[in-house]
Amino acid sequence: MRSNPLIILFGVLLATMLTLGADERRVERDTKTIAPANSVAQARARAMLLHESMRGTLQVVHRDFFDEDDAHEIPSASLEEVFDELAKMYDVDLKWLIVETDLINVDHQAEGEFEKSAVIALKKGDKRYEAWEKGRYRFAGPIRLGAQCLKCHVKHRKSTEPRTAGLLISMPLNVKQ
């Protein structure tokens, strides 16, 4: 498995952002643990930061590192290495979600009621779909796929109109009742 400096930098930046709003008295200084969000608003803010980070990074990676003549792993697949680290280190789960794209990876299909409802909401143009229960905040946000993305993500398209994919984020939520 090759290391990409952009992915490593992104992971460090993302870990730093996750600490925003955390009660510092409950965060271990070695950054191995981040305190759960203290409110839905705080969890929403963290998810929106994560969503924007992933969306922006995906755009930059495609622009700067995707070379048709020297194709490697597609950038969204490279980011899954970051997803794995976030899950191990911070209990933050991320997953790509098929909304208006071809089935390229079966792991990106909607599973369960939350994910299926998120697909419907994102197809309608909602900016987010969210739920919270059992100590978890779940967020789904759209990822815009422009014309340059469609050659890989929508092979048999009839237009170059932008499409939508999604990013799912799940993180610990500590709401005091």
N, C-alpha and C. Protein backbone atom coordinates (compact mmCIF):
# COMPACT_ATOMS: atom_id res chain seq x y z
N MET A 1 0.84 -1.17 0.00
CA MET A 1 0.00 0.00 0.00
C MET A 1 0.89 1.23 0.00
N ARG A 2 0.73 2.11 -1.01
CA ARG A 2 1.58 3.28 -1.10
C ARG A 2 1.03 4.41 -0.25
N SER A 3 1.91 5.25 0.27
CA SER A 3 1.50 6.40 1.05
C SER A 3 1.48 7.61 0.14
N ASN A 4 0.43 8.38 0.20
CA ASN A 4 0.30 9.60 -0.57
C ASN A 4 0.38 10.76 0.41
N PRO A 5 1.34 11.67 0.24
CA PRO A 5 1.48 12.79 1.18
C PRO A 5 0.20 13.59 1.34
N LEU A 6 -0.60 13.74 0.28
CA LEU A 6 -1.85 14.47 0.38
C LEU A 6 -2.81 13.77 1.33
N ILE A 7 -2.88 12.45 1.26
CA ILE A 7 -3.78 11.70 2.14
C ILE A 7 -3.31 11.82 3.58
N ILE A 8 -2.01 11.73 3.81
CA ILE A 8 -1.49 11.86 5.18
C ILE A 8 -1.79 13.25 5.72
N LEU A 9 -1.54 14.29 4.91
CA LEU A 9 -1.83 15.66 5.33
C LEU A 9 -3.31 15.83 5.61
N PHE A 10 -4.14 15.28 4.73
CA PHE A 10 -5.58 15.37 4.92
C PHE A 10 -5.99 14.72 6.23
N GLY A 11 -5.46 13.55 6.53
CA GLY A 11 -5.78 12.86 7.79
C GLY A 11 -5.42 13.68 9.01
N VAL A 12 -4.25 14.32 8.97
CA VAL A 12 -3.83 15.17 10.09
C VAL A 12 -4.77 16.36 10.23
N LEU A 13 -5.10 17.01 9.11
CA LEU A 13 -6.02 18.15 9.16
C LEU A 13 -7.39 17.74 9.67
N LEU A 14 -7.88 16.60 9.22
CA LEU A 14 -9.18 16.14 9.64
C LEU A 14 -9.20 15.81 11.12
N ALA A 15 -8.16 15.16 11.61
CA ALA A 15 -8.08 14.86 13.04
C ALA A 15 -8.08 16.14 13.86
N THR A 16 -7.40 17.16 13.38
CA THR A 16 -7.38 18.44 14.08
C THR A 16 -8.77 19.06 14.10
N MET A 17 -9.48 19.01 12.97
CA MET A 17 -10.81 19.59 12.92
C MET A 17 -11.78 18.88 13.85
N LEU A 18 -11.63 17.58 14.01
CA LEU A 18 -12.54 16.84 14.86
C LEU A 18 -12.47 17.30 16.31
N THR A 19 -11.36 17.88 16.69
CA THR A 19 -11.24 18.32 18.08
C THR A 19 -11.97 19.63 18.33
N LEU A 20 -12.38 20.34 17.26
CA LEU A 20 -13.08 21.60 17.43
C LEU A 20 -14.36 21.38 18.22
N GLY A 21 -14.56 22.17 19.24
CA GLY A 21 -15.77 22.09 20.04
C GLY A 21 -15.76 20.99 21.07
N ALA A 22 -14.75 20.16 21.10
CA ALA A 22 -14.70 19.09 22.10
C ALA A 22 -14.33 19.67 23.45
N ASP A 23 -14.85 19.08 24.50
CA ASP A 23 -14.50 19.49 25.85
C ASP A 23 -13.06 19.04 26.09
N GLU A 24 -12.13 20.00 26.13
CA GLU A 24 -10.71 19.66 26.18
C GLU A 24 -10.34 18.88 27.44
N ARG A 25 -11.11 19.02 28.48
CA ARG A 25 -10.79 18.25 29.69
C ARG A 25 -10.99 16.76 29.45
N ARG A 26 -11.80 16.40 28.46
CA ARG A 26 -12.09 15.00 28.20
C ARG A 26 -11.33 14.45 27.00
N VAL A 27 -10.49 15.23 26.38
CA VAL A 27 -9.72 14.78 25.23
C VAL A 27 -8.32 14.42 25.69
N GLU A 28 -7.92 13.19 25.43
CA GLU A 28 -6.56 12.79 25.77
C GLU A 28 -5.58 13.56 24.92
N ARG A 29 -4.50 13.99 25.50
CA ARG A 29 -3.53 14.83 24.79
C ARG A 29 -2.81 14.10 23.67
N ASP A 30 -2.86 12.78 23.65
CA ASP A 30 -2.17 12.06 22.57
C ASP A 30 -3.02 12.01 21.29
N THR A 31 -4.17 12.65 21.28
CA THR A 31 -5.11 12.73 20.16
C THR A 31 -5.65 11.37 19.70
N LYS A 32 -5.50 10.35 20.52
CA LYS A 32 -6.05 9.04 20.17
C LYS A 32 -7.56 9.00 20.41
N THR A 33 -8.06 9.87 21.29
CA THR A 33 -9.47 9.88 21.63
C THR A 33 -10.00 11.30 21.53
N ILE A 34 -11.13 11.45 20.91
CA ILE A 34 -11.80 12.73 20.84
C ILE A 34 -13.13 12.56 21.55
N ALA A 35 -13.43 13.47 22.46
CA ALA A 35 -14.68 13.39 23.21
C ALA A 35 -15.86 13.45 22.25
N PRO A 36 -16.92 12.70 22.54
CA PRO A 36 -18.11 12.79 21.70
C PRO A 36 -18.67 14.21 21.73
N ALA A 37 -19.37 14.58 20.67
CA ALA A 37 -20.02 15.88 20.63
C ALA A 37 -20.99 15.99 21.81
N ASN A 38 -21.15 17.20 22.31
CA ASN A 38 -22.01 17.43 23.46
C ASN A 38 -23.43 17.80 23.09
N SER A 39 -23.70 17.99 21.81
CA SER A 39 -25.04 18.33 21.36
C SER A 39 -25.19 17.93 19.89
N VAL A 40 -26.43 17.90 19.44
CA VAL A 40 -26.68 17.61 18.03
C VAL A 40 -26.08 18.72 17.18
N ALA A 41 -26.19 19.97 17.63
CA ALA A 41 -25.63 21.08 16.86
C ALA A 41 -24.11 20.91 16.70
N GLN A 42 -23.45 20.47 17.75
CA GLN A 42 -22.00 20.26 17.68
C GLN A 42 -21.67 19.10 16.74
N ALA A 43 -22.43 18.02 16.83
CA ALA A 43 -22.21 16.88 15.93
C ALA A 43 -22.47 17.31 14.49
N ARG A 44 -23.51 18.12 14.27
CA ARG A 44 -23.82 18.61 12.93
C ARG A 44 -22.66 19.44 12.39
N ALA A 45 -22.12 20.31 13.24
CA ALA A 45 -21.00 21.16 12.81
C ALA A 45 -19.80 20.31 12.43
N ARG A 46 -19.50 19.30 13.23
CA ARG A 46 -18.37 18.41 12.92
C ARG A 46 -18.63 17.67 11.61
N ALA A 47 -19.85 17.16 11.44
CA ALA A 47 -20.17 16.42 10.21
C ALA A 47 -20.08 17.33 9.00
N MET A 48 -20.54 18.56 9.13
CA MET A 48 -20.47 19.49 8.00
C MET A 48 -19.01 19.81 7.66
N LEU A 49 -18.16 19.93 8.68
CA LEU A 49 -16.73 20.14 8.43
C LEU A 49 -16.13 18.92 7.72
N LEU A 50 -16.47 17.75 8.21
CA LEU A 50 -15.97 16.53 7.58
C LEU A 50 -16.46 16.44 6.13
N HIS A 51 -17.74 16.71 5.94
CA HIS A 51 -18.31 16.63 4.60
C HIS A 51 -17.60 17.60 3.66
N GLU A 52 -17.41 18.83 4.10
CA GLU A 52 -16.75 19.82 3.25
C GLU A 52 -15.30 19.42 2.99
N SER A 53 -14.63 18.89 3.99
CA SER A 53 -13.25 18.44 3.81
C SER A 53 -13.16 17.33 2.78
N MET A 54 -14.05 16.36 2.89
CA MET A 54 -14.02 15.25 1.95
C MET A 54 -14.39 15.73 0.54
N ARG A 55 -15.42 16.55 0.43
CA ARG A 55 -15.84 17.05 -0.87
C ARG A 55 -14.71 17.84 -1.52
N GLY A 56 -14.12 18.75 -0.76
CA GLY A 56 -13.04 19.57 -1.30
C GLY A 56 -11.82 18.75 -1.67
N THR A 57 -11.45 17.83 -0.82
CA THR A 57 -10.28 16.99 -1.10
C THR A 57 -10.51 16.15 -2.33
N LEU A 58 -11.70 15.61 -2.47
CA LEU A 58 -12.02 14.79 -3.65
C LEU A 58 -11.86 15.62 -4.92
N GLN A 59 -12.33 16.85 -4.89
CA GLN A 59 -12.21 17.71 -6.07
C GLN A 59 -10.74 17.98 -6.40
N VAL A 60 -9.94 18.30 -5.39
CA VAL A 60 -8.52 18.61 -5.60
C VAL A 60 -7.78 17.37 -6.09
N VAL A 61 -8.04 16.24 -5.47
CA VAL A 61 -7.34 15.01 -5.87
C VAL A 61 -7.66 14.69 -7.33
N HIS A 62 -8.93 14.80 -7.72
CA HIS A 62 -9.27 14.53 -9.12
C HIS A 62 -8.58 15.52 -10.05
N ARG A 63 -8.56 16.79 -9.68
CA ARG A 63 -7.95 17.80 -10.54
C ARG A 63 -6.45 17.61 -10.66
N ASP A 64 -5.78 17.34 -9.53
CA ASP A 64 -4.32 17.35 -9.52
C ASP A 64 -3.65 15.99 -9.73
N PHE A 65 -4.33 14.90 -9.45
CA PHE A 65 -3.64 13.61 -9.44
C PHE A 65 -4.22 12.55 -10.36
N PHE A 66 -5.32 12.83 -11.03
CA PHE A 66 -5.92 11.83 -11.89
C PHE A 66 -5.42 12.04 -13.31
N ASP A 67 -4.65 11.13 -13.80
CA ASP A 67 -4.03 11.22 -15.12
C ASP A 67 -4.51 10.02 -15.93
N GLU A 68 -5.29 10.27 -16.97
CA GLU A 68 -5.84 9.17 -17.78
C GLU A 68 -4.75 8.26 -18.34
N ASP A 69 -3.60 8.84 -18.69
CA ASP A 69 -2.52 8.04 -19.28
C ASP A 69 -1.73 7.25 -18.24
N ASP A 70 -1.86 7.62 -16.98
CA ASP A 70 -1.14 6.96 -15.90
C ASP A 70 -2.10 6.73 -14.73
N ALA A 71 -3.20 6.03 -15.02
CA ALA A 71 -4.26 5.86 -14.03
C ALA A 71 -3.83 4.92 -12.90
N HIS A 72 -4.09 5.37 -11.71
CA HIS A 72 -3.88 4.57 -10.50
C HIS A 72 -5.26 4.35 -9.90
N GLU A 73 -5.29 4.09 -8.63
CA GLU A 73 -6.55 3.97 -7.93
C GLU A 73 -7.30 5.30 -8.04
N ILE A 74 -8.63 5.23 -8.18
CA ILE A 74 -9.38 6.49 -8.25
C ILE A 74 -9.32 7.17 -6.89
N PRO A 75 -9.35 8.50 -6.87
CA PRO A 75 -9.18 9.24 -5.61
C PRO A 75 -10.15 8.86 -4.51
N SER A 76 -11.41 8.62 -4.85
CA SER A 76 -12.36 8.26 -3.80
C SER A 76 -11.96 6.95 -3.13
N ALA A 77 -11.36 6.04 -3.88
CA ALA A 77 -10.89 4.79 -3.28
C ALA A 77 -9.66 5.05 -2.41
N SER A 78 -8.79 5.96 -2.84
CA SER A 78 -7.62 6.31 -2.02
C SER A 78 -8.06 6.88 -0.68
N LEU A 79 -9.11 7.68 -0.69
CA LEU A 79 -9.59 8.27 0.56
C LEU A 79 -10.13 7.24 1.54
N GLU A 80 -10.51 6.08 1.04
CA GLU A 80 -11.02 5.05 1.94
C GLU A 80 -9.96 4.59 2.94
N GLU A 81 -8.69 4.76 2.61
CA GLU A 81 -7.62 4.49 3.58
C GLU A 81 -7.73 5.47 4.76
N VAL A 82 -8.06 6.73 4.46
CA VAL A 82 -8.26 7.72 5.50
C VAL A 82 -9.50 7.35 6.32
N PHE A 83 -10.57 6.91 5.65
CA PHE A 83 -11.78 6.49 6.34
C PHE A 83 -11.45 5.40 7.36
N ASP A 84 -10.65 4.41 6.95
CA ASP A 84 -10.29 3.30 7.85
C ASP A 84 -9.55 3.80 9.09
N GLU A 85 -8.64 4.73 8.90
CA GLU A 85 -7.89 5.29 10.04
C GLU A 85 -8.80 6.07 10.98
N LEU A 86 -9.71 6.85 10.41
CA LEU A 86 -10.64 7.62 11.25
C LEU A 86 -11.53 6.68 12.07
N ALA A 87 -11.94 5.58 11.48
CA ALA A 87 -12.76 4.62 12.20
C ALA A 87 -11.98 4.00 13.35
N LYS A 88 -10.74 3.61 13.08
CA LYS A 88 -9.91 2.99 14.13
C LYS A 88 -9.55 3.97 15.24
N MET A 89 -9.16 5.17 14.86
CA MET A 89 -8.63 6.12 15.84
C MET A 89 -9.71 6.93 16.56
N TYR A 90 -10.80 7.25 15.88
CA TYR A 90 -11.76 8.20 16.45
C TYR A 90 -13.20 7.70 16.50
N ASP A 91 -13.46 6.47 16.05
CA ASP A 91 -14.82 5.95 16.02
C ASP A 91 -15.72 6.80 15.12
N VAL A 92 -15.14 7.38 14.06
CA VAL A 92 -15.88 8.14 13.06
C VAL A 92 -15.91 7.29 11.80
N ASP A 93 -17.10 6.92 11.39
CA ASP A 93 -17.26 6.07 10.22
C ASP A 93 -17.70 6.90 9.02
N LEU A 94 -17.04 6.68 7.89
CA LEU A 94 -17.38 7.37 6.65
C LEU A 94 -17.59 6.33 5.56
N LYS A 95 -18.51 6.65 4.65
CA LYS A 95 -18.83 5.72 3.56
C LYS A 95 -19.33 6.52 2.37
N TRP A 96 -18.87 6.18 1.18
CA TRP A 96 -19.42 6.76 -0.04
C TRP A 96 -20.79 6.15 -0.27
N LEU A 97 -21.69 6.91 -0.89
CA LEU A 97 -23.06 6.45 -1.11
C LEU A 97 -23.46 6.70 -2.57
N ILE A 98 -23.95 5.66 -3.21
CA ILE A 98 -24.46 5.78 -4.58
C ILE A 98 -25.80 6.51 -4.51
N VAL A 99 -25.92 7.60 -5.26
CA VAL A 99 -27.18 8.34 -5.33
C VAL A 99 -27.66 8.37 -6.78
N GLU A 100 -26.89 8.99 -7.67
CA GLU A 100 -27.25 9.07 -9.09
C GLU A 100 -26.07 8.61 -9.95
N THR A 101 -25.42 7.55 -9.55
CA THR A 101 -24.25 7.07 -10.27
C THR A 101 -24.40 5.58 -10.54
N ASP A 102 -23.48 5.06 -11.35
CA ASP A 102 -23.45 3.63 -11.61
C ASP A 102 -22.96 2.88 -10.38
N LEU A 103 -23.28 1.61 -10.33
CA LEU A 103 -22.76 0.75 -9.29
C LEU A 103 -21.35 0.35 -9.67
N ILE A 104 -20.37 0.97 -9.02
CA ILE A 104 -18.96 0.67 -9.27
C ILE A 104 -18.44 -0.21 -8.15
N ASN A 105 -18.91 0.04 -6.95
CA ASN A 105 -18.47 -0.69 -5.77
C ASN A 105 -19.71 -1.04 -4.96
N VAL A 106 -19.96 -2.32 -4.75
CA VAL A 106 -21.17 -2.74 -4.02
C VAL A 106 -21.19 -2.22 -2.59
N ASP A 107 -20.03 -1.90 -2.03
CA ASP A 107 -19.97 -1.37 -0.67
C ASP A 107 -20.58 0.02 -0.57
N HIS A 108 -20.82 0.68 -1.71
CA HIS A 108 -21.35 2.04 -1.71
C HIS A 108 -22.87 2.07 -1.86
N GLN A 109 -23.50 0.90 -1.94
CA GLN A 109 -24.95 0.84 -2.03
C GLN A 109 -25.57 1.18 -0.67
N ALA A 110 -26.76 1.78 -0.72
CA ALA A 110 -27.49 2.10 0.51
C ALA A 110 -27.89 0.82 1.22
N GLU A 111 -27.64 0.80 2.51
CA GLU A 111 -28.04 -0.32 3.36
C GLU A 111 -28.87 0.24 4.51
N GLY A 112 -29.92 -0.39 4.84
CA GLY A 112 -30.72 0.01 5.99
C GLY A 112 -31.58 1.25 5.70
N GLU A 113 -32.50 1.51 6.62
CA GLU A 113 -33.48 2.58 6.46
C GLU A 113 -32.84 3.96 6.37
N PHE A 114 -31.86 4.26 7.23
CA PHE A 114 -31.25 5.58 7.21
C PHE A 114 -30.61 5.86 5.86
N GLU A 115 -29.79 4.95 5.36
CA GLU A 115 -29.08 5.16 4.10
C GLU A 115 -30.04 5.25 2.92
N LYS A 116 -31.07 4.43 2.90
CA LYS A 116 -32.04 4.49 1.80
C LYS A 116 -32.81 5.81 1.83
N SER A 117 -33.16 6.29 3.01
CA SER A 117 -33.84 7.58 3.14
C SER A 117 -32.90 8.72 2.74
N ALA A 118 -31.62 8.57 3.06
CA ALA A 118 -30.63 9.59 2.69
C ALA A 118 -30.53 9.70 1.17
N VAL A 119 -30.54 8.59 0.47
CA VAL A 119 -30.48 8.61 -1.00
C VAL A 119 -31.67 9.41 -1.55
N ILE A 120 -32.84 9.16 -1.03
CA ILE A 120 -34.05 9.87 -1.49
C ILE A 120 -33.90 11.37 -1.24
N ALA A 121 -33.44 11.73 -0.05
CA ALA A 121 -33.28 13.15 0.30
C ALA A 121 -32.23 13.83 -0.59
N LEU A 122 -31.10 13.17 -0.80
CA LEU A 122 -30.04 13.76 -1.62
C LEU A 122 -30.48 13.88 -3.08
N LYS A 123 -31.23 12.91 -3.58
CA LYS A 123 -31.75 12.99 -4.95
C LYS A 123 -32.68 14.19 -5.10
N LYS A 124 -33.43 14.52 -4.03
CA LYS A 124 -34.33 15.68 -4.06
C LYS A 124 -33.57 16.99 -4.02
N GLY A 125 -32.29 16.93 -3.66
CA GLY A 125 -31.50 18.15 -3.58
C GLY A 125 -31.28 18.67 -2.16
N ASP A 126 -31.67 17.88 -1.16
CA ASP A 126 -31.43 18.30 0.22
C ASP A 126 -29.93 18.44 0.47
N LYS A 127 -29.56 19.40 1.29
CA LYS A 127 -28.15 19.66 1.60
C LYS A 127 -27.61 18.68 2.64
N ARG A 128 -28.51 18.05 3.37
CA ARG A 128 -28.09 17.04 4.35
C ARG A 128 -29.28 16.18 4.74
N TYR A 129 -28.97 15.01 5.23
CA TYR A 129 -29.96 14.13 5.84
C TYR A 129 -29.31 13.65 7.11
N GLU A 130 -30.02 13.67 8.23
CA GLU A 130 -29.39 13.32 9.49
C GLU A 130 -30.35 12.61 10.43
N ALA A 131 -29.76 11.92 11.37
CA ALA A 131 -30.51 11.25 12.43
C ALA A 131 -29.57 11.04 13.60
N TRP A 132 -30.12 10.86 14.78
CA TRP A 132 -29.31 10.56 15.95
C TRP A 132 -30.09 9.63 16.86
N GLU A 133 -29.39 8.62 17.33
CA GLU A 133 -29.98 7.65 18.25
C GLU A 133 -28.88 6.73 18.76
N LYS A 134 -29.12 6.14 19.88
CA LYS A 134 -28.21 5.14 20.45
C LYS A 134 -26.76 5.60 20.47
N GLY A 135 -26.53 6.86 20.86
CA GLY A 135 -25.17 7.35 21.01
C GLY A 135 -24.42 7.64 19.72
N ARG A 136 -25.13 7.75 18.58
CA ARG A 136 -24.49 8.04 17.30
C ARG A 136 -25.24 9.16 16.60
N TYR A 137 -24.49 10.04 15.96
CA TYR A 137 -25.03 11.05 15.06
C TYR A 137 -24.70 10.58 13.66
N ARG A 138 -25.71 10.54 12.78
CA ARG A 138 -25.51 10.09 11.40
C ARG A 138 -25.86 11.23 10.46
N PHE A 139 -25.01 11.45 9.49
CA PHE A 139 -25.12 12.57 8.56
C PHE A 139 -24.87 12.05 7.15
N ALA A 140 -25.65 12.53 6.20
CA ALA A 140 -25.40 12.26 4.78
C ALA A 140 -25.41 13.59 4.05
N GLY A 141 -24.39 13.84 3.26
CA GLY A 141 -24.30 15.07 2.48
C GLY A 141 -24.02 14.75 1.03
N PRO A 142 -24.43 15.65 0.13
CA PRO A 142 -24.22 15.41 -1.30
C PRO A 142 -22.78 15.67 -1.74
N ILE A 143 -22.36 14.94 -2.73
CA ILE A 143 -21.10 15.17 -3.44
C ILE A 143 -21.49 15.40 -4.90
N ARG A 144 -21.21 16.59 -5.39
CA ARG A 144 -21.55 16.93 -6.78
C ARG A 144 -20.53 16.29 -7.71
N LEU A 145 -21.03 15.63 -8.72
CA LEU A 145 -20.17 15.04 -9.75
C LEU A 145 -20.36 15.84 -11.02
N GLY A 146 -19.36 16.63 -11.37
CA GLY A 146 -19.41 17.43 -12.59
C GLY A 146 -19.17 16.58 -13.82
N ALA A 147 -19.23 17.22 -14.98
CA ALA A 147 -19.10 16.52 -16.26
C ALA A 147 -17.82 15.68 -16.32
N GLN A 148 -16.70 16.20 -15.79
CA GLN A 148 -15.44 15.48 -15.87
C GLN A 148 -15.45 14.20 -15.02
N CYS A 149 -16.35 14.11 -14.06
CA CYS A 149 -16.44 12.94 -13.18
C CYS A 149 -17.25 11.81 -13.81
N LEU A 150 -18.14 12.18 -14.72
CA LEU A 150 -19.12 11.22 -15.22
C LEU A 150 -18.53 10.10 -16.06
N LYS A 151 -17.38 10.35 -16.69
CA LYS A 151 -16.81 9.30 -17.54
C LYS A 151 -16.48 8.04 -16.75
N CYS A 152 -16.21 8.18 -15.46
CA CYS A 152 -15.95 7.01 -14.61
C CYS A 152 -17.16 6.61 -13.78
N HIS A 153 -17.93 7.58 -13.31
CA HIS A 153 -19.00 7.30 -12.36
C HIS A 153 -20.36 7.03 -13.00
N VAL A 154 -20.55 7.47 -14.26
CA VAL A 154 -21.80 7.21 -14.99
C VAL A 154 -21.41 6.89 -16.43
N LYS A 155 -21.09 5.63 -16.67
CA LYS A 155 -20.54 5.21 -17.96
C LYS A 155 -21.50 5.41 -19.13
N HIS A 156 -22.76 5.08 -18.97
CA HIS A 156 -23.71 5.09 -20.09
C HIS A 156 -24.67 6.27 -19.96
N ARG A 157 -24.12 7.44 -19.76
CA ARG A 157 -24.93 8.65 -19.58
C ARG A 157 -25.44 9.15 -20.93
N LYS A 158 -26.52 9.88 -20.85
CA LYS A 158 -27.10 10.49 -22.05
C LYS A 158 -26.91 12.00 -22.02
N SER A 159 -26.33 12.51 -20.93
CA SER A 159 -26.05 13.94 -20.83
C SER A 159 -24.83 14.13 -19.92
N THR A 160 -24.31 15.34 -19.92
CA THR A 160 -23.19 15.67 -19.04
C THR A 160 -23.64 16.55 -17.88
N GLU A 161 -24.95 16.54 -17.61
CA GLU A 161 -25.46 17.29 -16.47
C GLU A 161 -24.86 16.71 -15.19
N PRO A 162 -24.53 17.57 -14.22
CA PRO A 162 -23.97 17.08 -12.96
C PRO A 162 -24.89 16.05 -12.29
N ARG A 163 -24.29 15.14 -11.59
CA ARG A 163 -25.03 14.11 -10.83
C ARG A 163 -24.63 14.25 -9.37
N THR A 164 -25.30 13.47 -8.55
CA THR A 164 -25.04 13.51 -7.11
C THR A 164 -24.61 12.13 -6.61
N ALA A 165 -23.58 12.13 -5.80
CA ALA A 165 -23.20 10.97 -5.00
C ALA A 165 -23.37 11.44 -3.55
N GLY A 166 -23.03 10.61 -2.61
CA GLY A 166 -23.19 11.01 -1.21
C GLY A 166 -22.04 10.55 -0.35
N LEU A 167 -21.92 11.21 0.79
CA LEU A 167 -20.95 10.82 1.81
C LEU A 167 -21.70 10.66 3.11
N LEU A 168 -21.56 9.48 3.72
CA LEU A 168 -22.18 9.19 5.00
C LEU A 168 -21.15 9.34 6.10
N ILE A 169 -21.55 9.95 7.20
CA ILE A 169 -20.67 10.14 8.35
C ILE A 169 -21.44 9.73 9.60
N SER A 170 -20.82 8.92 10.42
CA SER A 170 -21.42 8.51 11.69
C SER A 170 -20.37 8.70 12.77
N MET A 171 -20.79 9.32 13.88
CA MET A 171 -19.84 9.58 14.96
C MET A 171 -20.52 9.48 16.31
N PRO A 172 -19.73 9.30 17.36
CA PRO A 172 -20.32 9.24 18.70
C PRO A 172 -21.05 10.53 19.05
N LEU A 173 -22.14 10.37 19.77
CA LEU A 173 -22.91 11.53 20.23
C LEU A 173 -23.26 11.30 21.70
N ASN A 174 -22.89 12.23 22.53
CA ASN A 174 -23.16 12.14 23.96
C ASN A 174 -24.13 13.26 24.33
N VAL A 175 -25.44 12.93 24.21
CA VAL A 175 -26.47 13.91 24.53
C VAL A 175 -27.01 13.59 25.91
N LYS A 176 -26.96 14.58 26.78
CA LYS A 176 -27.49 14.41 28.13
C LYS A 176 -29.00 14.62 28.09
N GLN A 177 -29.72 13.65 28.56
CA GLN A 177 -31.21 13.73 28.55
C GLN A 177 -31.70 14.58 29.69
